Amino acid sequence: MNAGRLARWYRPIEYAAFGRSLERCRFAFLPRLASARRILILGEGDGRSLAQLLRIAPLADIDVVEISPEMIALAKRRAGDADRVRFLCDDALKGRWPARYYDAIVTSFFLDCFTEGDARRLIPRLADCLAPGGIWLINEFAIPDNGWRRRHAQLWIRTMYLFFRVTTGLQARQLPPISAIMREEGMRCIDRDQRRAGFIVSEVWTPADDLSRRFSE
């Protein structure tokens, strides 16, 4: 999804719909990256998470992949002249990253922009570029299992996909099964925070073999 047409208005639209909930979700687990040296961010948007990370992880070199030149311009403004940041204006589906290279990956309200087929193409490539002991922060929308929370989430999801389909040409029509794909790729969720009755979630994922080694020591 290229949100370039919405770049100027993206934050006001977000605040009108969700207040600071999405922002707090993006920032929830960023302190875990304080000692990271190499970070990959995909779909950064207007640079709010990037600005936080530059303060939290003072030793990190950060690669930012964003398809929208307009969003990159906003992110550069927030990042200032930080020479630790490399911006790549590209489609993530076409990206290639070195294996087992990054200490951390950050995707915020990004994977939900893909169809299930595209998510199944992208997630394995990203999991492969995560270094041993690395973590992947995923901030996304989710649909709770039952009750009014499920109906509440489904209504919001339908509304958002319709809005972005009209304004950006988004092809996806429903949330891909992100957690299931992550587990299939040998990843495990080790921490989770949720907001808005479980509709907005922040998660910390790590390779399952790292956990096995940790518990066997």
N, C-alpha and C. Protein backbone atom coordinates (compact mmCIF):
# COMPACT_ATOMS: atom_id res chain seq x y z
N MET A 1 0.83 -1.20 0.00
CA MET A 1 0.00 0.00 0.00
C MET A 1 0.87 1.25 0.00
N ASN A 2 0.65 2.12 -0.95
CA ASN A 2 1.36 3.39 -1.00
C ASN A 2 0.44 4.48 -0.47
N ALA A 3 0.74 4.97 0.73
CA ALA A 3 -0.12 5.97 1.38
C ALA A 3 0.35 7.38 1.11
N GLY A 4 1.09 7.57 0.01
CA GLY A 4 1.64 8.88 -0.29
C GLY A 4 0.59 9.97 -0.38
N ARG A 5 -0.55 9.64 -0.95
CA ARG A 5 -1.62 10.65 -1.07
C ARG A 5 -2.14 11.10 0.28
N LEU A 6 -1.99 10.23 1.28
CA LEU A 6 -2.50 10.54 2.62
C LEU A 6 -1.42 11.07 3.56
N ALA A 7 -0.18 11.14 3.09
CA ALA A 7 0.94 11.42 3.99
C ALA A 7 0.70 12.65 4.85
N ARG A 8 0.29 13.72 4.23
CA ARG A 8 0.11 14.98 4.95
C ARG A 8 -0.96 14.87 6.03
N TRP A 9 -1.96 14.02 5.77
CA TRP A 9 -3.11 13.94 6.68
C TRP A 9 -3.11 12.68 7.51
N TYR A 10 -2.10 11.85 7.36
CA TYR A 10 -2.15 10.53 8.00
C TYR A 10 -2.24 10.63 9.52
N ARG A 11 -1.40 11.44 10.12
CA ARG A 11 -1.43 11.52 11.59
C ARG A 11 -2.74 12.12 12.10
N PRO A 12 -3.28 13.23 11.52
CA PRO A 12 -4.57 13.72 11.99
C PRO A 12 -5.70 12.70 11.84
N ILE A 13 -5.67 11.94 10.73
CA ILE A 13 -6.69 10.90 10.54
C ILE A 13 -6.55 9.83 11.62
N GLU A 14 -5.31 9.43 11.87
CA GLU A 14 -5.06 8.41 12.90
C GLU A 14 -5.53 8.88 14.27
N TYR A 15 -5.18 10.10 14.64
CA TYR A 15 -5.58 10.62 15.95
C TYR A 15 -7.09 10.74 16.05
N ALA A 16 -7.75 11.14 14.96
CA ALA A 16 -9.21 11.27 14.98
C ALA A 16 -9.87 9.92 15.21
N ALA A 17 -9.32 8.87 14.61
CA ALA A 17 -9.93 7.55 14.72
C ALA A 17 -9.56 6.82 16.01
N PHE A 18 -8.28 6.95 16.43
CA PHE A 18 -7.79 6.11 17.52
C PHE A 18 -7.11 6.87 18.65
N GLY A 19 -7.11 8.18 18.61
CA GLY A 19 -6.37 8.93 19.62
C GLY A 19 -4.90 8.55 19.56
N ARG A 20 -4.31 8.32 20.72
CA ARG A 20 -2.89 7.95 20.78
C ARG A 20 -2.67 6.44 20.87
N SER A 21 -3.74 5.66 20.68
CA SER A 21 -3.62 4.20 20.87
C SER A 21 -2.60 3.57 19.94
N LEU A 22 -2.61 3.91 18.66
CA LEU A 22 -1.67 3.32 17.71
C LEU A 22 -0.25 3.76 18.02
N GLU A 23 -0.11 5.01 18.41
CA GLU A 23 1.21 5.53 18.75
C GLU A 23 1.79 4.81 19.96
N ARG A 24 0.97 4.63 20.99
CA ARG A 24 1.43 3.92 22.19
C ARG A 24 1.76 2.47 21.86
N CYS A 25 1.00 1.89 20.94
CA CYS A 25 1.27 0.53 20.51
C CYS A 25 2.63 0.44 19.82
N ARG A 26 2.91 1.38 18.93
CA ARG A 26 4.20 1.39 18.22
C ARG A 26 5.38 1.51 19.19
N PHE A 27 5.18 2.28 20.25
CA PHE A 27 6.29 2.58 21.17
C PHE A 27 6.43 1.55 22.29
N ALA A 28 5.43 0.67 22.46
CA ALA A 28 5.34 -0.16 23.66
C ALA A 28 6.61 -0.95 23.95
N PHE A 29 7.17 -1.61 22.95
CA PHE A 29 8.32 -2.49 23.18
C PHE A 29 9.62 -1.96 22.59
N LEU A 30 9.63 -0.74 22.10
CA LEU A 30 10.86 -0.19 21.53
C LEU A 30 12.03 -0.18 22.52
N PRO A 31 11.80 0.05 23.84
CA PRO A 31 12.95 0.01 24.77
C PRO A 31 13.73 -1.30 24.75
N ARG A 32 13.12 -2.40 24.29
CA ARG A 32 13.83 -3.66 24.20
C ARG A 32 14.97 -3.62 23.17
N LEU A 33 14.96 -2.60 22.33
CA LEU A 33 15.96 -2.51 21.27
C LEU A 33 17.13 -1.60 21.65
N ALA A 34 17.24 -1.25 22.92
CA ALA A 34 18.24 -0.28 23.36
C ALA A 34 19.66 -0.68 22.99
N SER A 35 19.96 -1.98 23.00
CA SER A 35 21.33 -2.42 22.72
C SER A 35 21.52 -2.92 21.29
N ALA A 36 20.50 -2.79 20.46
CA ALA A 36 20.59 -3.29 19.09
C ALA A 36 21.62 -2.50 18.29
N ARG A 37 22.26 -3.18 17.36
CA ARG A 37 23.26 -2.54 16.49
C ARG A 37 22.74 -2.40 15.05
N ARG A 38 21.87 -3.30 14.63
CA ARG A 38 21.33 -3.24 13.27
C ARG A 38 19.83 -3.50 13.33
N ILE A 39 19.06 -2.52 12.88
CA ILE A 39 17.60 -2.59 12.95
C ILE A 39 17.01 -2.39 11.55
N LEU A 40 16.02 -3.19 11.22
CA LEU A 40 15.28 -3.05 9.96
C LEU A 40 13.85 -2.65 10.29
N ILE A 41 13.41 -1.53 9.72
CA ILE A 41 12.02 -1.08 9.88
C ILE A 41 11.36 -1.11 8.51
N LEU A 42 10.20 -1.72 8.44
CA LEU A 42 9.45 -1.76 7.19
C LEU A 42 8.12 -1.04 7.37
N GLY A 43 7.79 -0.19 6.38
CA GLY A 43 6.55 0.56 6.45
C GLY A 43 6.54 1.56 7.59
N GLU A 44 7.62 2.30 7.75
CA GLU A 44 7.76 3.22 8.89
C GLU A 44 6.73 4.33 8.87
N GLY A 45 6.30 4.75 7.70
CA GLY A 45 5.34 5.86 7.69
C GLY A 45 6.03 7.18 7.94
N ASP A 46 5.46 7.98 8.84
CA ASP A 46 5.91 9.37 8.98
C ASP A 46 7.07 9.57 9.94
N GLY A 47 7.64 8.48 10.47
CA GLY A 47 8.90 8.61 11.21
C GLY A 47 8.79 8.72 12.71
N ARG A 48 7.62 8.53 13.29
CA ARG A 48 7.50 8.68 14.74
C ARG A 48 8.25 7.58 15.49
N SER A 49 8.15 6.33 15.03
CA SER A 49 8.91 5.25 15.67
C SER A 49 10.40 5.43 15.45
N LEU A 50 10.77 5.86 14.27
CA LEU A 50 12.18 6.08 13.97
C LEU A 50 12.79 7.11 14.90
N ALA A 51 12.09 8.21 15.13
CA ALA A 51 12.60 9.25 16.03
C ALA A 51 12.79 8.71 17.43
N GLN A 52 11.87 7.88 17.89
CA GLN A 52 12.01 7.25 19.20
C GLN A 52 13.23 6.33 19.24
N LEU A 53 13.39 5.52 18.20
CA LEU A 53 14.48 4.55 18.17
C LEU A 53 15.85 5.22 18.14
N LEU A 54 15.95 6.35 17.50
CA LEU A 54 17.23 7.05 17.46
C LEU A 54 17.67 7.46 18.86
N ARG A 55 16.70 7.71 19.72
CA ARG A 55 17.03 8.05 21.11
C ARG A 55 17.26 6.79 21.95
N ILE A 56 16.44 5.78 21.72
CA ILE A 56 16.49 4.57 22.55
C ILE A 56 17.71 3.71 22.23
N ALA A 57 18.06 3.62 20.95
CA ALA A 57 19.16 2.74 20.52
C ALA A 57 20.28 3.58 19.90
N PRO A 58 21.10 4.20 20.73
CA PRO A 58 22.10 5.16 20.23
C PRO A 58 23.21 4.55 19.39
N LEU A 59 23.37 3.23 19.44
CA LEU A 59 24.45 2.58 18.70
C LEU A 59 23.96 1.90 17.43
N ALA A 60 22.66 1.98 17.15
CA ALA A 60 22.08 1.21 16.06
C ALA A 60 22.19 1.92 14.72
N ASP A 61 22.51 1.14 13.69
CA ASP A 61 22.33 1.56 12.31
C ASP A 61 20.95 1.05 11.89
N ILE A 62 20.17 1.91 11.26
CA ILE A 62 18.77 1.59 10.99
C ILE A 62 18.49 1.69 9.50
N ASP A 63 17.97 0.60 8.93
CA ASP A 63 17.50 0.59 7.56
C ASP A 63 15.98 0.73 7.56
N VAL A 64 15.48 1.69 6.79
CA VAL A 64 14.04 1.95 6.73
C VAL A 64 13.56 1.69 5.31
N VAL A 65 12.63 0.75 5.16
CA VAL A 65 12.04 0.44 3.86
C VAL A 65 10.62 1.02 3.84
N GLU A 66 10.37 1.90 2.90
CA GLU A 66 9.07 2.58 2.81
C GLU A 66 8.79 2.86 1.33
N ILE A 67 7.61 2.49 0.89
CA ILE A 67 7.29 2.61 -0.53
C ILE A 67 6.89 4.03 -0.94
N SER A 68 6.53 4.85 0.03
CA SER A 68 6.01 6.19 -0.27
C SER A 68 7.09 7.25 -0.13
N PRO A 69 7.46 7.95 -1.21
CA PRO A 69 8.43 9.05 -1.09
C PRO A 69 7.94 10.16 -0.16
N GLU A 70 6.63 10.38 -0.14
CA GLU A 70 6.08 11.42 0.73
C GLU A 70 6.27 11.07 2.21
N MET A 71 6.05 9.80 2.54
CA MET A 71 6.26 9.37 3.92
C MET A 71 7.74 9.44 4.28
N ILE A 72 8.61 9.07 3.36
CA ILE A 72 10.04 9.16 3.61
C ILE A 72 10.45 10.59 3.90
N ALA A 73 9.89 11.54 3.16
CA ALA A 73 10.21 12.94 3.40
C ALA A 73 9.82 13.36 4.81
N LEU A 74 8.65 12.91 5.29
CA LEU A 74 8.23 13.22 6.66
C LEU A 74 9.16 12.55 7.67
N ALA A 75 9.52 11.30 7.42
CA ALA A 75 10.38 10.58 8.35
C ALA A 75 11.77 11.22 8.41
N LYS A 76 12.28 11.65 7.29
CA LYS A 76 13.60 12.31 7.28
C LYS A 76 13.56 13.59 8.10
N ARG A 77 12.46 14.29 8.01
CA ARG A 77 12.33 15.53 8.79
C ARG A 77 12.38 15.23 10.29
N ARG A 78 11.72 14.15 10.69
CA ARG A 78 11.73 13.79 12.12
C ARG A 78 13.09 13.25 12.55
N ALA A 79 13.76 12.55 11.66
CA ALA A 79 15.05 11.95 12.02
C ALA A 79 16.18 12.97 12.02
N GLY A 80 15.95 14.11 11.42
CA GLY A 80 17.01 15.10 11.32
C GLY A 80 18.10 14.63 10.36
N ASP A 81 19.32 14.92 10.67
CA ASP A 81 20.45 14.54 9.81
C ASP A 81 21.15 13.28 10.30
N ALA A 82 20.43 12.40 10.93
CA ALA A 82 21.04 11.19 11.50
C ALA A 82 21.71 10.36 10.41
N ASP A 83 23.02 10.21 10.51
CA ASP A 83 23.74 9.43 9.51
C ASP A 83 23.67 7.94 9.79
N ARG A 84 22.96 7.55 10.85
CA ARG A 84 22.79 6.13 11.17
C ARG A 84 21.60 5.52 10.45
N VAL A 85 20.86 6.34 9.69
CA VAL A 85 19.63 5.88 9.05
C VAL A 85 19.82 5.82 7.54
N ARG A 86 19.41 4.70 6.95
CA ARG A 86 19.42 4.56 5.50
C ARG A 86 17.99 4.32 5.04
N PHE A 87 17.49 5.20 4.20
CA PHE A 87 16.13 5.08 3.67
C PHE A 87 16.15 4.37 2.32
N LEU A 88 15.26 3.41 2.17
CA LEU A 88 15.14 2.67 0.92
C LEU A 88 13.70 2.82 0.44
N CYS A 89 13.49 3.55 -0.64
CA CYS A 89 12.15 3.72 -1.20
C CYS A 89 11.89 2.54 -2.13
N ASP A 90 11.18 1.54 -1.61
CA ASP A 90 11.04 0.30 -2.36
C ASP A 90 9.83 -0.48 -1.87
N ASP A 91 9.39 -1.39 -2.69
CA ASP A 91 8.33 -2.33 -2.34
C ASP A 91 8.97 -3.46 -1.54
N ALA A 92 8.49 -3.69 -0.34
CA ALA A 92 9.09 -4.72 0.51
C ALA A 92 9.05 -6.10 -0.13
N LEU A 93 8.06 -6.36 -0.95
CA LEU A 93 7.96 -7.67 -1.59
C LEU A 93 9.11 -7.91 -2.57
N LYS A 94 9.76 -6.85 -3.00
CA LYS A 94 10.90 -6.98 -3.92
C LYS A 94 12.24 -6.94 -3.18
N GLY A 95 12.19 -6.72 -1.89
CA GLY A 95 13.42 -6.53 -1.12
C GLY A 95 14.18 -7.82 -0.89
N ARG A 96 15.49 -7.68 -0.74
CA ARG A 96 16.36 -8.80 -0.37
C ARG A 96 17.29 -8.31 0.73
N TRP A 97 17.36 -9.08 1.81
CA TRP A 97 18.18 -8.68 2.95
C TRP A 97 19.12 -9.82 3.32
N PRO A 98 20.30 -9.48 3.85
CA PRO A 98 21.26 -10.53 4.19
C PRO A 98 20.74 -11.45 5.30
N ALA A 99 21.04 -12.72 5.18
CA ALA A 99 20.56 -13.71 6.14
C ALA A 99 21.19 -13.48 7.51
N ARG A 100 20.35 -13.64 8.54
CA ARG A 100 20.80 -13.61 9.95
C ARG A 100 21.63 -12.36 10.24
N TYR A 101 21.14 -11.24 9.80
CA TYR A 101 21.92 -10.00 9.86
C TYR A 101 21.41 -8.99 10.90
N TYR A 102 20.09 -8.80 10.99
CA TYR A 102 19.54 -7.73 11.82
C TYR A 102 19.28 -8.21 13.26
N ASP A 103 19.63 -7.37 14.21
CA ASP A 103 19.33 -7.65 15.61
C ASP A 103 17.83 -7.49 15.90
N ALA A 104 17.17 -6.67 15.10
CA ALA A 104 15.75 -6.41 15.35
C ALA A 104 15.06 -6.01 14.05
N ILE A 105 13.80 -6.39 13.97
CA ILE A 105 12.91 -5.97 12.89
C ILE A 105 11.71 -5.30 13.53
N VAL A 106 11.22 -4.24 12.91
CA VAL A 106 10.03 -3.55 13.41
C VAL A 106 9.04 -3.40 12.26
N THR A 107 7.83 -3.92 12.44
CA THR A 107 6.75 -3.72 11.47
C THR A 107 5.52 -3.26 12.23
N SER A 108 5.04 -2.08 11.91
CA SER A 108 3.89 -1.50 12.62
C SER A 108 2.75 -1.21 11.64
N PHE A 109 1.64 -1.93 11.81
CA PHE A 109 0.47 -1.74 10.96
C PHE A 109 0.90 -1.79 9.49
N PHE A 110 1.69 -2.81 9.21
CA PHE A 110 2.31 -3.00 7.90
C PHE A 110 1.92 -4.33 7.28
N LEU A 111 2.06 -5.40 8.04
CA LEU A 111 1.75 -6.72 7.50
C LEU A 111 0.28 -6.88 7.16
N ASP A 112 -0.58 -6.09 7.81
CA ASP A 112 -2.01 -6.18 7.52
C ASP A 112 -2.37 -5.58 6.17
N CYS A 113 -1.40 -4.97 5.49
CA CYS A 113 -1.63 -4.39 4.17
C CYS A 113 -1.46 -5.42 3.05
N PHE A 114 -1.06 -6.65 3.42
CA PHE A 114 -0.79 -7.67 2.41
C PHE A 114 -1.88 -8.72 2.38
N THR A 115 -2.10 -9.28 1.21
CA THR A 115 -2.96 -10.46 1.11
C THR A 115 -2.25 -11.62 1.80
N GLU A 116 -2.97 -12.69 2.06
CA GLU A 116 -2.34 -13.84 2.71
C GLU A 116 -1.21 -14.39 1.85
N GLY A 117 -1.41 -14.44 0.55
CA GLY A 117 -0.37 -14.95 -0.32
C GLY A 117 0.91 -14.13 -0.26
N ASP A 118 0.76 -12.81 -0.29
CA ASP A 118 1.94 -11.94 -0.22
C ASP A 118 2.60 -12.00 1.16
N ALA A 119 1.77 -12.10 2.21
CA ALA A 119 2.33 -12.23 3.56
C ALA A 119 3.15 -13.51 3.68
N ARG A 120 2.69 -14.57 3.04
CA ARG A 120 3.42 -15.84 3.08
C ARG A 120 4.71 -15.77 2.27
N ARG A 121 4.79 -14.86 1.33
CA ARG A 121 6.04 -14.65 0.59
C ARG A 121 7.00 -13.79 1.39
N LEU A 122 6.49 -12.78 2.08
CA LEU A 122 7.34 -11.80 2.74
C LEU A 122 7.86 -12.26 4.10
N ILE A 123 7.00 -12.80 4.95
CA ILE A 123 7.38 -13.12 6.32
C ILE A 123 8.56 -14.09 6.39
N PRO A 124 8.62 -15.16 5.57
CA PRO A 124 9.78 -16.05 5.65
C PRO A 124 11.09 -15.33 5.31
N ARG A 125 11.07 -14.41 4.36
CA ARG A 125 12.30 -13.69 4.00
C ARG A 125 12.75 -12.80 5.14
N LEU A 126 11.80 -12.19 5.82
CA LEU A 126 12.16 -11.33 6.95
C LEU A 126 12.67 -12.18 8.12
N ALA A 127 12.00 -13.28 8.40
CA ALA A 127 12.45 -14.15 9.49
C ALA A 127 13.87 -14.64 9.24
N ASP A 128 14.21 -14.87 7.99
CA ASP A 128 15.54 -15.38 7.65
C ASP A 128 16.64 -14.34 7.87
N CYS A 129 16.28 -13.05 7.83
CA CYS A 129 17.32 -12.03 7.99
C CYS A 129 17.50 -11.61 9.45
N LEU A 130 16.76 -12.25 10.37
CA LEU A 130 16.90 -11.94 11.80
C LEU A 130 18.05 -12.74 12.39
N ALA A 131 18.97 -12.05 13.04
CA ALA A 131 20.15 -12.70 13.62
C ALA A 131 19.76 -13.57 14.82
N PRO A 132 20.58 -14.55 15.16
CA PRO A 132 20.34 -15.34 16.38
C PRO A 132 20.22 -14.42 17.60
N GLY A 133 19.20 -14.66 18.40
CA GLY A 133 18.96 -13.81 19.56
C GLY A 133 18.21 -12.53 19.24
N GLY A 134 17.88 -12.34 17.96
CA GLY A 134 17.18 -11.12 17.56
C GLY A 134 15.70 -11.16 17.90
N ILE A 135 15.05 -10.01 17.83
CA ILE A 135 13.62 -9.94 18.09
C ILE A 135 12.91 -9.16 16.99
N TRP A 136 11.67 -9.50 16.80
CA TRP A 136 10.82 -8.87 15.78
C TRP A 136 9.63 -8.27 16.51
N LEU A 137 9.51 -6.96 16.46
CA LEU A 137 8.37 -6.27 17.05
C LEU A 137 7.28 -6.13 16.00
N ILE A 138 6.12 -6.68 16.29
CA ILE A 138 4.98 -6.60 15.37
C ILE A 138 3.85 -5.88 16.07
N ASN A 139 3.42 -4.79 15.49
CA ASN A 139 2.28 -4.02 16.00
C ASN A 139 1.19 -4.08 14.94
N GLU A 140 0.04 -4.60 15.29
CA GLU A 140 -0.98 -4.85 14.29
C GLU A 140 -2.38 -4.77 14.88
N PHE A 141 -3.35 -4.79 13.98
CA PHE A 141 -4.74 -4.98 14.37
C PHE A 141 -5.00 -6.48 14.51
N ALA A 142 -5.97 -6.82 15.33
CA ALA A 142 -6.30 -8.22 15.55
C ALA A 142 -7.79 -8.35 15.80
N ILE A 143 -8.30 -9.53 15.56
CA ILE A 143 -9.72 -9.81 15.81
C ILE A 143 -9.81 -10.82 16.96
N PRO A 144 -10.33 -10.40 18.12
CA PRO A 144 -10.50 -11.33 19.25
C PRO A 144 -11.38 -12.52 18.88
N ASP A 145 -11.32 -13.56 19.69
CA ASP A 145 -11.98 -14.81 19.34
C ASP A 145 -13.50 -14.75 19.40
N ASN A 146 -14.06 -13.99 20.34
CA ASN A 146 -15.52 -14.04 20.46
C ASN A 146 -16.06 -12.80 21.17
N GLY A 147 -17.40 -12.77 21.27
CA GLY A 147 -18.09 -11.72 22.02
C GLY A 147 -18.11 -10.37 21.32
N TRP A 148 -18.47 -9.35 22.09
CA TRP A 148 -18.61 -8.02 21.52
C TRP A 148 -17.27 -7.48 21.03
N ARG A 149 -16.18 -7.93 21.64
CA ARG A 149 -14.86 -7.48 21.20
C ARG A 149 -14.59 -7.92 19.77
N ARG A 150 -15.01 -9.12 19.44
CA ARG A 150 -14.84 -9.62 18.08
C ARG A 150 -15.67 -8.80 17.10
N ARG A 151 -16.92 -8.53 17.43
CA ARG A 151 -17.78 -7.76 16.54
C ARG A 151 -17.26 -6.33 16.38
N HIS A 152 -16.78 -5.76 17.49
CA HIS A 152 -16.21 -4.42 17.44
C HIS A 152 -15.02 -4.38 16.48
N ALA A 153 -14.12 -5.35 16.58
CA ALA A 153 -12.93 -5.40 15.73
C ALA A 153 -13.31 -5.63 14.27
N GLN A 154 -14.25 -6.53 14.03
CA GLN A 154 -14.64 -6.82 12.65
C GLN A 154 -15.21 -5.58 11.97
N LEU A 155 -16.00 -4.80 12.69
CA LEU A 155 -16.57 -3.58 12.11
C LEU A 155 -15.46 -2.59 11.74
N TRP A 156 -14.51 -2.40 12.66
CA TRP A 156 -13.40 -1.49 12.38
C TRP A 156 -12.56 -1.97 11.20
N ILE A 157 -12.29 -3.28 11.15
CA ILE A 157 -11.48 -3.83 10.07
C ILE A 157 -12.15 -3.62 8.72
N ARG A 158 -13.43 -3.91 8.63
CA ARG A 158 -14.15 -3.70 7.37
C ARG A 158 -14.09 -2.24 6.95
N THR A 159 -14.30 -1.35 7.92
CA THR A 159 -14.29 0.09 7.61
C THR A 159 -12.91 0.54 7.12
N MET A 160 -11.87 0.08 7.78
CA MET A 160 -10.52 0.51 7.41
C MET A 160 -10.10 -0.01 6.04
N TYR A 161 -10.39 -1.28 5.78
CA TYR A 161 -10.02 -1.82 4.47
C TYR A 161 -10.77 -1.11 3.36
N LEU A 162 -12.01 -0.78 3.58
CA LEU A 162 -12.77 -0.03 2.58
C LEU A 162 -12.15 1.35 2.37
N PHE A 163 -11.81 2.04 3.46
CA PHE A 163 -11.22 3.38 3.36
C PHE A 163 -9.91 3.34 2.57
N PHE A 164 -9.03 2.41 2.89
CA PHE A 164 -7.74 2.37 2.22
C PHE A 164 -7.85 1.80 0.81
N ARG A 165 -8.87 0.99 0.56
CA ARG A 165 -9.08 0.52 -0.81
C ARG A 165 -9.46 1.70 -1.71
N VAL A 166 -10.32 2.58 -1.21
CA VAL A 166 -10.76 3.73 -1.98
C VAL A 166 -9.64 4.77 -2.13
N THR A 167 -8.88 5.03 -1.04
CA THR A 167 -7.91 6.12 -1.05
C THR A 167 -6.53 5.72 -1.57
N THR A 168 -6.17 4.44 -1.46
CA THR A 168 -4.82 4.04 -1.86
C THR A 168 -4.79 2.88 -2.85
N GLY A 169 -5.94 2.27 -3.13
CA GLY A 169 -5.96 1.12 -4.01
C GLY A 169 -5.51 -0.17 -3.34
N LEU A 170 -5.58 -0.23 -2.03
CA LEU A 170 -5.16 -1.42 -1.28
C LEU A 170 -5.86 -2.66 -1.82
N GLN A 171 -5.08 -3.72 -2.07
CA GLN A 171 -5.64 -4.96 -2.62
C GLN A 171 -6.17 -5.90 -1.55
N ALA A 172 -5.57 -5.90 -0.38
CA ALA A 172 -6.00 -6.80 0.68
C ALA A 172 -7.44 -6.50 1.11
N ARG A 173 -8.14 -7.52 1.48
CA ARG A 173 -9.54 -7.38 1.91
C ARG A 173 -9.76 -7.83 3.35
N GLN A 174 -8.79 -8.53 3.93
CA GLN A 174 -8.93 -9.02 5.29
C GLN A 174 -7.55 -9.22 5.89
N LEU A 175 -7.50 -9.32 7.21
CA LEU A 175 -6.23 -9.52 7.88
C LEU A 175 -5.63 -10.87 7.49
N PRO A 176 -4.36 -10.90 7.11
CA PRO A 176 -3.72 -12.20 6.88
C PRO A 176 -3.46 -12.87 8.22
N PRO A 177 -3.30 -14.18 8.24
CA PRO A 177 -3.06 -14.91 9.50
C PRO A 177 -1.60 -14.76 9.94
N ILE A 178 -1.25 -13.58 10.41
CA ILE A 178 0.14 -13.24 10.69
C ILE A 178 0.74 -14.19 11.73
N SER A 179 0.05 -14.37 12.85
CA SER A 179 0.59 -15.21 13.92
C SER A 179 0.82 -16.63 13.45
N ALA A 180 -0.12 -17.17 12.68
CA ALA A 180 0.02 -18.54 12.19
C ALA A 180 1.23 -18.67 11.28
N ILE A 181 1.42 -17.69 10.40
CA ILE A 181 2.57 -17.74 9.48
C ILE A 181 3.87 -17.62 10.26
N MET A 182 3.89 -16.74 11.26
CA MET A 182 5.09 -16.58 12.07
C MET A 182 5.46 -17.90 12.74
N ARG A 183 4.48 -18.58 13.31
CA ARG A 183 4.76 -19.86 13.98
C ARG A 183 5.24 -20.91 12.97
N GLU A 184 4.66 -20.89 11.77
CA GLU A 184 5.10 -21.83 10.74
C GLU A 184 6.57 -21.61 10.36
N GLU A 185 7.03 -20.36 10.52
CA GLU A 185 8.41 -20.02 10.18
C GLU A 185 9.35 -20.17 11.38
N GLY A 186 8.88 -20.85 12.42
CA GLY A 186 9.74 -21.14 13.55
C GLY A 186 9.91 -19.98 14.51
N MET A 187 8.96 -19.05 14.53
CA MET A 187 9.00 -17.92 15.44
C MET A 187 8.03 -18.15 16.60
N ARG A 188 8.35 -17.55 17.75
CA ARG A 188 7.49 -17.67 18.93
C ARG A 188 7.28 -16.29 19.54
N CYS A 189 6.04 -16.03 19.95
CA CYS A 189 5.71 -14.77 20.61
C CYS A 189 6.07 -14.88 22.09
N ILE A 190 6.91 -13.96 22.58
CA ILE A 190 7.36 -14.04 23.98
C ILE A 190 6.78 -12.92 24.85
N ASP A 191 6.11 -11.96 24.24
CA ASP A 191 5.46 -10.91 25.03
C ASP A 191 4.38 -10.26 24.18
N ARG A 192 3.34 -9.77 24.87
CA ARG A 192 2.19 -9.23 24.14
C ARG A 192 1.49 -8.17 24.97
N ASP A 193 1.09 -7.11 24.33
CA ASP A 193 0.31 -6.06 24.97
C ASP A 193 -0.86 -5.75 24.06
N GLN A 194 -2.02 -5.44 24.63
CA GLN A 194 -3.17 -5.15 23.78
C GLN A 194 -3.93 -3.93 24.27
N ARG A 195 -4.60 -3.30 23.32
CA ARG A 195 -5.38 -2.09 23.58
C ARG A 195 -6.69 -2.17 22.82
N ARG A 196 -7.58 -1.24 23.17
CA ARG A 196 -8.87 -1.17 22.50
C ARG A 196 -9.57 -2.54 22.46
N ALA A 197 -9.70 -3.14 23.63
CA ALA A 197 -10.43 -4.41 23.77
C ALA A 197 -9.85 -5.50 22.88
N GLY A 198 -8.51 -5.53 22.77
CA GLY A 198 -7.85 -6.57 22.01
C GLY A 198 -7.80 -6.35 20.52
N PHE A 199 -8.23 -5.20 20.07
CA PHE A 199 -8.25 -4.87 18.65
C PHE A 199 -6.88 -4.41 18.15
N ILE A 200 -6.07 -3.83 19.04
CA ILE A 200 -4.74 -3.33 18.70
C ILE A 200 -3.73 -4.07 19.58
N VAL A 201 -2.74 -4.72 18.96
CA VAL A 201 -1.81 -5.52 19.73
C VAL A 201 -0.36 -5.18 19.38
N SER A 202 0.50 -5.29 20.40
CA SER A 202 1.95 -5.18 20.25
C SER A 202 2.53 -6.52 20.68
N GLU A 203 3.42 -7.07 19.85
CA GLU A 203 3.98 -8.38 20.16
C GLU A 203 5.49 -8.40 19.95
N VAL A 204 6.15 -9.25 20.73
CA VAL A 204 7.59 -9.48 20.60
C VAL A 204 7.78 -10.93 20.17
N TRP A 205 8.41 -11.14 19.02
CA TRP A 205 8.66 -12.47 18.50
C TRP A 205 10.16 -12.74 18.43
N THR A 206 10.53 -13.98 18.59
CA THR A 206 11.93 -14.38 18.50
C THR A 206 11.99 -15.79 17.91
N PRO A 207 13.10 -16.17 17.27
CA PRO A 207 13.20 -17.53 16.75
C PRO A 207 13.04 -18.57 17.85
N ALA A 208 12.25 -19.59 17.59
CA ALA A 208 11.97 -20.60 18.61
C ALA A 208 13.23 -21.34 19.02
N ASP A 209 14.19 -21.53 18.10
CA ASP A 209 15.39 -22.26 18.49
C ASP A 209 16.22 -21.48 19.49
N ASP A 210 16.12 -20.12 19.47
CA ASP A 210 16.79 -19.33 20.49
C ASP A 210 16.21 -19.63 21.86
N LEU A 211 14.87 -19.77 21.93
CA LEU A 211 14.24 -20.09 23.21
C LEU A 211 14.65 -21.47 23.69
N SER A 212 14.74 -22.43 22.76
CA SER A 212 15.12 -23.78 23.15
C SER A 212 16.52 -23.79 23.75
N ARG A 213 17.44 -23.06 23.13
CA ARG A 213 18.80 -23.00 23.65
C ARG A 213 18.83 -22.33 25.02
N ARG A 214 18.01 -21.28 25.18
CA ARG A 214 18.00 -20.52 26.43
C ARG A 214 17.55 -21.42 27.59
N PHE A 215 16.49 -22.24 27.36
CA PHE A 215 15.96 -23.05 28.44
C PHE A 215 16.80 -24.30 28.69
N SER A 216 17.65 -24.67 27.74
CA SER A 216 18.47 -25.86 27.92
C SER A 216 19.81 -25.54 28.61
N GLU A 217 20.13 -24.26 28.71
CA GLU A 217 21.40 -23.87 29.32
C GLU A 217 21.30 -23.87 30.85
